[in-house]
Amino acid sequence: MKATELREHTVDELQEKETELAEQLFALRLQKVTGQLDNPTKMATVRKDMARVLTVLHEKRSAKS
């Protein structure tokens, strides 16, 4: 997921994406603790995507001010 793609979304869509990624990250952490995580790089990918979403969300909210 690229930041340019995220900038095309509305604030509501970005908030939904943030919630979805947070839930996915929680599930991955749970899998890691229980030893069921098959792909450990998935956690890093989800964290980076979350950071991109939060950055674009912050940009959009700052632009409204």
C-alpha atoms as a PDB file:
ATOM      1  CA  MET A   1       0.000   0.000   0.000  1.00  0.00           C
ATOM      2  CA  LYS A   2       1.445   3.346  -1.032  1.00  0.00           C
ATOM      3  CA  ALA A   3       0.844   6.727   0.524  1.00  0.00           C
ATOM      4  CA  THR A   4      -0.299   8.125  -2.827  1.00  0.00           C
ATOM      5  CA  GLU A   5      -3.060   5.512  -2.926  1.00  0.00           C
ATOM      6  CA  LEU A   6      -4.084   6.371   0.616  1.00  0.00           C
ATOM      7  CA  ARG A   7      -4.333  10.084  -0.138  1.00  0.00           C
ATOM      8  CA  GLU A   8      -7.181   9.307  -2.544  1.00  0.00           C
ATOM      9  CA  HIS A   9      -9.334   7.980   0.326  1.00  0.00           C
ATOM     10  CA  THR A  10     -11.575  10.009   2.609  1.00  0.00           C
ATOM     11  CA  VAL A  11     -10.941  10.496   6.317  1.00  0.00           C
ATOM     12  CA  ASP A  12     -13.669   7.990   7.196  1.00  0.00           C
ATOM     13  CA  GLU A  13     -12.180   5.355   4.914  1.00  0.00           C
ATOM     14  CA  LEU A  14      -8.752   5.925   6.449  1.00  0.00           C
ATOM     15  CA  GLN A  15     -10.167   5.532   9.951  1.00  0.00           C
ATOM     16  CA  GLU A  16     -11.761   2.240   8.922  1.00  0.00           C
ATOM     17  CA  LYS A  17      -8.439   1.096   7.444  1.00  0.00           C
ATOM     18  CA  GLU A  18      -6.680   2.065  10.682  1.00  0.00           C
ATOM     19  CA  THR A  19      -9.120  -0.025  12.710  1.00  0.00           C
ATOM     20  CA  GLU A  20      -8.733  -2.971  10.350  1.00  0.00           C
ATOM     21  CA  LEU A  21      -4.926  -2.818  10.548  1.00  0.00           C
ATOM     22  CA  ALA A  22      -4.993  -2.521  14.348  1.00  0.00           C
ATOM     23  CA  GLU A  23      -7.124  -5.664  14.573  1.00  0.00           C
ATOM     24  CA  GLN A  24      -4.841  -7.466  12.148  1.00  0.00           C
ATOM     25  CA  LEU A  25      -1.767  -6.455  14.153  1.00  0.00           C
ATOM     26  CA  PHE A  26      -3.391  -7.681  17.354  1.00  0.00           C
ATOM     27  CA  ALA A  27      -4.131 -11.043  15.740  1.00  0.00           C
ATOM     28  CA  LEU A  28      -0.542 -11.317  14.509  1.00  0.00           C
ATOM     29  CA  ARG A  29       0.823 -10.537  17.967  1.00  0.00           C
ATOM     30  CA  LEU A  30      -1.408 -13.208  19.436  1.00  0.00           C
ATOM     31  CA  GLN A  31      -0.180 -15.710  16.855  1.00  0.00           C
ATOM     32  CA  LYS A  32       3.413 -14.809  17.656  1.00  0.00           C
ATOM     33  CA  VAL A  33       2.917 -15.397  21.377  1.00  0.00           C
ATOM     34  CA  THR A  34       1.250 -18.752  20.812  1.00  0.00           C
ATOM     35  CA  GLY A  35       3.921 -19.815  18.303  1.00  0.00           C
ATOM     36  CA  GLN A  36       1.540 -20.017  15.361  1.00  0.00           C
ATOM     37  CA  LEU A  37       2.960 -17.124  13.305  1.00  0.00           C
ATOM     38  CA  ASP A  38       4.055 -18.484   9.927  1.00  0.00           C
ATOM     39  CA  ASN A  39       5.396 -15.270   8.395  1.00  0.00           C
ATOM     40  CA  PRO A  40       7.075 -12.935  10.916  1.00  0.00           C
ATOM     41  CA  THR A  41       7.686 -10.275   8.261  1.00  0.00           C
ATOM     42  CA  LYS A  42       3.924  -9.785   8.039  1.00  0.00           C
ATOM     43  CA  MET A  43       4.028  -7.922  11.372  1.00  0.00           C
ATOM     44  CA  ALA A  44       6.519  -5.397  10.027  1.00  0.00           C
ATOM     45  CA  THR A  45       4.447  -4.904   6.886  1.00  0.00           C
ATOM     46  CA  VAL A  46       1.267  -4.288   8.865  1.00  0.00           C
ATOM     47  CA  ARG A  47       3.059  -1.843  11.206  1.00  0.00           C
ATOM     48  CA  LYS A  48       4.419   0.116   8.231  1.00  0.00           C
ATOM     49  CA  ASP A  49       0.997   0.214   6.579  1.00  0.00           C
ATOM     50  CA  MET A  50      -0.485   1.454   9.854  1.00  0.00           C
ATOM     51  CA  ALA A  51       2.131   4.207  10.018  1.00  0.00           C
ATOM     52  CA  ARG A  52       1.321   5.267   6.454  1.00  0.00           C
ATOM     53  CA  VAL A  53      -2.395   5.390   7.193  1.00  0.00           C
ATOM     54  CA  LEU A  54      -1.843   7.426  10.357  1.00  0.00           C
ATOM     55  CA  THR A  55       0.480   9.831   8.522  1.00  0.00           C
ATOM     56  CA  VAL A  56      -2.001  10.484   5.718  1.00  0.00           C
ATOM     57  CA  LEU A  57      -4.839  10.768   8.235  1.00  0.00           C
ATOM     58  CA  HIS A  58      -2.852  13.361  10.183  1.00  0.00           C
ATOM     59  CA  GLU A  59      -2.103  15.276   6.965  1.00  0.00           C
ATOM     60  CA  LYS A  60      -5.771  15.384   6.016  1.00  0.00           C
ATOM     61  CA  ARG A  61      -6.855  16.502   9.479  1.00  0.00           C
ATOM     62  CA  SER A  62      -4.173  19.221   9.544  1.00  0.00           C
ATOM     63  CA  ALA A  63      -5.245  20.467   6.126  1.00  0.00           C
ATOM     64  CA  LYS A  64      -8.784  21.057   7.402  1.00  0.00           C
ATOM     65  CA  SER A  65      -7.529  23.480  10.064  1.00  0.00           C
END
